[in-house]
Protein backbone atom coordinates (compact mmCIF):
# COMPACT_ATOMS: atom_id res chain seq x y z
CA MET A 1 93.08 -23.03 79.22
CA ARG A 2 93.42 -23.43 75.20
CA HIS A 3 94.02 -27.27 74.59
CA ASN A 4 93.57 -28.22 70.69
CA LYS A 5 92.63 -24.27 69.76
CA LYS A 6 94.47 -23.87 66.74
CA PHE A 7 92.94 -20.61 64.80
CA ASN A 8 92.92 -17.36 65.56
CA HIS A 9 89.14 -16.49 66.25
CA LEU A 10 89.74 -12.61 65.43
CA GLY A 11 87.97 -11.39 68.43
CA ARG A 12 84.66 -12.52 66.56
CA THR A 13 81.69 -14.75 66.10
CA ALA A 14 81.74 -17.41 64.18
CA SER A 15 79.68 -16.20 61.32
CA HIS A 16 81.42 -12.39 61.21
CA ARG A 17 84.93 -14.53 61.22
CA ALA A 18 83.58 -16.50 58.07
CA ALA A 19 81.75 -13.45 56.31
CA MET A 20 84.96 -11.17 56.98
CA LEU A 21 87.47 -13.86 55.53
CA SER A 22 85.35 -14.44 53.05
CA ASN A 23 85.26 -10.68 52.10
CA MET A 24 88.60 -10.15 52.46
CA ALA A 25 89.47 -13.41 49.95
CA VAL A 26 87.42 -11.76 47.22
CA SER A 27 89.34 -8.44 47.66
CA LEU A 28 92.49 -10.21 47.50
CA ILE A 29 91.36 -12.58 44.13
CA LYS A 30 90.37 -8.89 42.50
CA HIS A 31 92.88 -6.61 43.50
CA LYS A 32 96.16 -9.11 43.96
CA ARG A 33 97.00 -7.39 46.94
CA ILE A 34 95.75 -5.96 50.40
CA THR A 35 96.63 -4.21 53.27
CA THR A 36 95.47 -5.25 56.62
CA THR A 37 96.54 -6.06 60.01
CA VAL A 38 99.45 -9.62 60.28
CA GLU A 39 96.60 -11.01 62.51
CA LYS A 40 93.75 -10.85 59.75
CA ALA A 41 96.56 -11.34 56.68
CA LYS A 42 97.50 -14.68 58.47
CA ALA A 43 94.15 -16.21 59.13
CA LEU A 44 93.53 -15.03 55.53
CA LYS A 45 96.36 -16.85 54.08
CA LYS A 46 95.22 -20.29 55.81
CA PHE A 47 91.29 -19.28 54.42
CA VAL A 48 92.65 -18.63 50.92
CA GLU A 49 95.53 -21.15 49.93
CA PRO A 50 93.42 -24.21 49.93
CA LEU A 51 90.82 -22.26 47.65
CA LEU A 52 94.02 -21.23 45.42
CA THR A 53 94.80 -25.26 45.62
CA LYS A 54 91.26 -26.18 44.73
CA SER A 55 91.23 -24.04 41.60
CA LYS A 56 94.21 -25.62 39.63
CA ASN A 57 91.43 -28.31 38.91
CA ASP A 58 89.01 -26.65 37.03
CA THR A 59 85.73 -28.87 37.32
CA THR A 60 82.53 -28.19 38.34
CA ASN A 61 82.39 -29.55 41.76
CA SER A 62 85.75 -27.24 42.79
CA ARG A 63 84.17 -24.63 41.44
CA ARG A 64 80.83 -24.87 43.56
CA VAL A 65 83.54 -25.97 46.95
CA VAL A 66 85.27 -22.51 45.94
CA PHE A 67 81.79 -20.75 45.37
CA SER A 68 79.98 -21.73 48.73
CA TYR A 69 83.17 -20.28 50.52
CA LEU A 70 83.74 -16.64 48.76
CA GLN A 71 80.01 -15.99 47.48
CA ASP A 72 80.82 -13.37 44.12
CA LYS A 73 80.76 -15.83 41.07
CA TYR A 74 82.92 -12.75 39.36
CA ALA A 75 86.12 -13.88 41.91
CA VAL A 76 85.44 -17.09 41.23
CA THR A 77 85.36 -16.50 37.81
CA GLU A 78 88.48 -15.04 37.60
CA LEU A 79 90.33 -17.04 40.14
CA PHE A 80 89.72 -20.17 38.07
CA LYS A 81 90.37 -18.58 34.38
CA GLU A 82 93.13 -16.64 35.33
CA ILE A 83 94.85 -16.65 38.78
CA SER A 84 94.56 -20.67 38.63
CA VAL A 85 96.70 -20.34 34.61
CA LYS A 86 99.41 -18.61 36.54
CA ILE A 87 99.75 -20.51 39.80
CA ALA A 88 99.22 -24.13 37.76
CA ASP A 89 103.04 -25.14 37.92
CA ARG A 90 103.84 -23.62 41.42
CA PRO A 91 103.18 -26.31 44.49
CA GLY A 92 102.08 -24.20 47.15
CA GLY A 93 103.07 -20.46 48.92
CA TYR A 94 100.48 -18.38 46.73
CA THR A 95 100.37 -15.43 48.78
CA ARG A 96 103.03 -13.25 50.49
CA ILE A 97 102.86 -11.16 54.00
CA ILE A 98 105.20 -8.33 54.42
CA LYS A 99 104.99 -6.30 56.94
CA THR A 100 104.57 -2.31 57.05
CA GLY A 101 104.82 -0.87 60.11
CA HIS A 102 102.57 0.05 62.60
CA ARG A 103 98.85 1.83 62.15
CA LEU A 104 98.76 5.32 63.69
CA GLY A 105 95.38 5.17 65.69
CA ASP A 106 96.25 1.63 67.87
CA ASN A 107 99.37 0.89 66.36
CA ALA A 108 98.53 -1.80 65.41
CA ALA A 109 101.00 -4.09 63.81
CA MET A 110 100.28 -3.38 59.44
CA CYS A 111 101.08 -5.23 56.44
CA PHE A 112 99.95 -6.27 52.86
CA ILE A 113 98.84 -9.73 51.87
CA GLU A 114 99.32 -10.36 47.93
CA LEU A 115 99.43 -12.68 45.32
CA VAL A 116 103.28 -14.11 44.58
CA ASP A 117 102.58 -14.57 40.88
CA TYR A 118 101.01 -10.64 40.75
CA ASP A 119 103.68 -8.59 41.48
CA GLU A 120 105.25 -6.46 39.17
CA ASN A 121 108.54 -5.30 41.13
CA MET A 122 109.37 -8.78 42.55
CA THR A 123 108.75 -10.93 39.00
CA LYS A 124 110.84 -8.39 37.09
CA ASP A 125 113.67 -9.87 35.34
CA THR A 126 116.70 -7.39 36.90
CA VAL A 127 119.32 -6.95 34.34
CA LYS A 128 122.89 -7.46 35.70
CA LYS A 129 125.59 -4.92 35.80
CA SER A 130 128.77 -5.49 33.78
CA THR A 131 131.32 -5.05 37.73
CA ARG A 132 134.17 -4.73 35.41
CA THR A 133 134.51 -2.10 32.44
CA ARG A 134 136.49 -1.38 29.57
CA ARG A 135 139.13 0.94 29.25
CA ARG A 136 139.70 2.20 25.98
CA SER A 137 141.86 4.85 24.93
CA LYS A 138 140.06 8.30 23.12
CA LYS A 139 141.54 6.62 19.64
CA ALA A 140 139.43 4.15 19.63
CA ALA A 141 136.63 5.74 21.16
CA ALA A 142 136.75 8.45 18.48
CA GLU A 143 136.19 5.39 16.04
CA VAL A 144 133.26 3.63 17.82
CA THR A 145 131.70 7.07 17.55
CA ASP A 146 132.54 7.72 14.09
CA ALA A 147 131.41 4.26 13.18
CA VAL A 148 127.77 4.84 14.53
CA VAL A 149 127.45 8.26 12.72
CA GLU A 150 128.60 6.50 9.20
CA ALA A 151 125.73 3.95 9.97
CA GLU A 152 123.39 6.86 10.27
CA ALA A 153 124.21 9.15 8.00
CA PRO A 154 122.22 7.03 4.94
CA LYS A 155 119.14 6.91 7.89
CA ALA A 156 119.37 10.79 6.92
CA GLU A 157 119.18 10.70 3.85
CA GLU A 158 116.20 8.17 3.56
CA VAL A 159 114.24 10.20 5.35
CA ALA A 160 115.04 13.26 3.28
CA ALA A 161 114.06 11.38 0.73
CA GLU A 162 111.15 10.65 1.96
CA GLU A 163 109.73 13.98 2.55
CA GLU A 164 110.81 15.30 -0.90
CA LYS A 165 108.36 12.42 -2.42
CA LYS A 166 105.75 13.81 0.05
CA ALA A 167 106.11 16.99 -1.20
CA GLU A 168 105.78 16.14 -4.48
């Protein structure tokens, strides 16, 4: 029976599991996104989110605690200097798991895990496209294009005058 055994052992010994999660957390901090299996990503999420919460409070003790888990001073520095600034106002949920299908060799469920605030595709401000269009007569459209041409005409004259000055 598996009473009160709450976390996935991932088929590894405790020391191997701790080392693997530490290495994966360092890679996630350095690269902001890594590809792995869904089970490892879920275990990594439980491992790294408390460290990200700890990084919000930049004290010597919190740095030492995080370093005891990660064992990489460059990752700790990046976590406290760059990542903690971006996640300062977020109350939790620092990572996102997106499933990508199955691996070809052993059909393992694959995904990528990423830091939420560093995804450029999701954080882009999308420009809303106007659903309604205005209809203009051909005469009004011609007036608009004439106004644009007239506005650009002085610019062309200025460019020509500058070229003449350079030639002299």
